[in-house]
Protein backbone atom coordinates (compact mmCIF):
# COMPACT_ATOMS: atom_id res chain seq x y z
CA MET A 1 141.97 -20.63 24.56
CA GLY A 2 140.59 -19.89 28.83
CA ILE A 3 142.72 -18.96 31.46
CA ILE A 4 145.04 -21.55 33.30
CA LYS A 5 145.60 -21.47 36.50
CA PRO A 6 147.15 -24.00 38.85
CA SER A 7 144.80 -24.75 42.46
CA ASP A 8 147.02 -24.87 45.31
CA GLY A 9 144.68 -27.94 46.53
CA VAL A 10 140.99 -30.37 45.78
CA ILE A 11 139.28 -30.36 48.53
CA PHE A 12 135.44 -31.87 49.11
CA ALA A 13 132.89 -29.44 50.08
CA ASP A 14 131.47 -31.58 52.72
CA SER A 15 132.13 -35.48 54.46
CA ALA A 16 129.48 -37.00 52.99
CA THR A 17 130.59 -36.29 49.37
CA GLU A 18 134.36 -37.58 49.96
CA GLU A 19 133.42 -40.67 52.39
CA ALA A 20 131.09 -41.75 49.15
CA PHE A 21 133.92 -41.40 46.86
CA ASN A 22 136.83 -43.23 49.12
CA SER A 23 133.95 -45.46 49.71
CA LEU A 24 134.08 -46.41 45.64
CA PRO A 25 136.07 -49.73 44.85
CA GLU A 26 139.79 -48.73 43.42
CA ASN A 27 139.17 -50.27 40.18
CA ASP A 28 135.28 -48.55 39.78
CA TRP A 29 135.35 -46.64 36.57
CA LEU A 30 133.69 -43.20 38.25
CA LYS A 31 136.02 -43.70 40.75
CA LYS A 32 139.46 -43.45 38.07
CA ALA A 33 137.03 -40.97 36.28
CA ILE A 34 136.58 -38.24 39.48
CA GLU A 35 141.13 -38.76 39.80
CA ARG A 36 141.74 -38.01 36.47
CA ALA A 37 138.93 -34.87 36.54
CA ILE A 38 140.63 -34.07 40.34
CA GLU A 39 144.55 -33.97 38.74
CA LYS A 40 143.39 -31.87 36.11
CA LEU A 41 141.42 -29.14 38.12
CA LYS A 42 144.53 -29.68 40.06
CA GLU A 43 146.66 -28.50 36.68
CA ASN A 44 144.11 -25.83 36.14
CA VAL A 45 141.47 -24.47 38.04
CA PHE A 46 138.97 -23.68 35.21
CA THR A 47 139.08 -26.68 33.09
CA GLY A 48 135.50 -27.24 33.58
CA GLN A 49 132.81 -25.20 32.56
CA LYS A 50 130.98 -22.66 34.39
CA ILE A 51 127.47 -22.60 34.97
CA LYS A 52 125.61 -19.64 34.76
CA ASN A 53 124.71 -17.27 37.79
CA GLU A 54 121.18 -17.77 37.75
CA LEU A 55 121.28 -21.90 37.24
CA ILE A 56 122.80 -22.22 40.59
CA PRO A 57 120.79 -24.33 42.36
CA LYS A 58 119.70 -21.96 45.34
CA GLU A 59 120.81 -25.09 47.63
CA TYR A 60 124.51 -24.86 47.18
CA VAL A 61 124.35 -21.28 47.69
CA LYS A 62 122.41 -22.05 50.85
CA LYS A 63 124.60 -25.05 51.90
CA TYR A 64 128.09 -24.00 50.84
CA ARG A 65 128.07 -20.44 50.24
CA VAL A 66 128.85 -20.18 46.91
CA ASN A 67 128.59 -17.68 44.29
CA ASN A 68 130.18 -19.61 41.45
CA ILE A 69 129.83 -23.26 40.20
CA TRP A 70 131.36 -25.42 37.35
CA TRP A 71 131.35 -28.67 35.57
CA TYR A 72 133.59 -31.10 34.81
CA PRO A 73 132.79 -34.11 32.09
CA LEU A 74 133.15 -37.40 33.46
CA PRO A 75 132.73 -40.43 31.23
CA ASN A 76 128.73 -42.11 30.89
CA ALA A 77 127.95 -38.72 30.25
CA TRP A 78 128.30 -38.13 34.24
CA ARG A 79 129.43 -34.98 35.44
CA LEU A 80 131.37 -32.87 38.33
CA ILE A 81 130.13 -30.12 40.09
CA TYR A 82 132.65 -27.89 41.50
CA SER A 83 133.05 -24.88 43.56
CA ILE A 84 136.70 -22.61 43.08
CA ALA A 85 137.20 -20.70 46.48
CA ALA A 86 140.12 -18.23 46.08
CA ASP A 87 141.54 -15.90 48.88
CA LYS A 88 144.56 -13.47 48.59
CA VAL A 89 146.53 -16.47 48.95
CA GLU A 90 145.08 -19.86 47.94
CA ILE A 91 143.28 -21.13 44.93
CA LEU A 92 141.12 -24.28 45.39
CA ALA A 93 138.28 -26.79 43.93
CA VAL A 94 135.58 -27.38 45.74
CA ILE A 95 133.93 -30.43 44.86
CA ILE A 96 130.59 -30.62 45.79
CA GLU A 97 128.95 -33.78 43.74
CA TYR A 98 128.94 -35.65 41.31
CA MET A 99 125.79 -37.31 39.27
CA ASP A 100 124.71 -38.67 35.90
CA HIS A 101 123.63 -36.62 33.61
CA LYS A 102 119.14 -37.40 34.37
CA ASN A 103 120.14 -36.06 37.64
CA TYR A 104 122.11 -33.58 36.84
CA GLU A 105 119.52 -31.98 34.77
CA ARG A 106 116.95 -32.37 37.24
CA ARG A 107 119.67 -30.29 39.59
CA PHE A 108 120.31 -27.49 37.10
CA ASN A 109 116.52 -27.31 35.86
CA TYR A 110 117.15 -27.85 32.19
């Protein structure tokens, strides 16, 4: 079993992703799935699967200044992409985006 570490919070990396999430209807399957994922990330920030550093898209590094990327499985082969940010006081899960499997494969060149 891997490391278990509750996060001090879950935030969105940018307002566009947060607004897209908030604009989903309350009964939408994707919104419910992301809400469940957020609860899981609060319980354990390491609940997803780490993506190899060499596969991290350069645009993520440039735009979000991240050095780690994780994915969490959502229903219907969708993926929630997040990073873990930490300092001496807090550890946060930072949601970068969510996408279907086809776009996930394109983004990470699988």
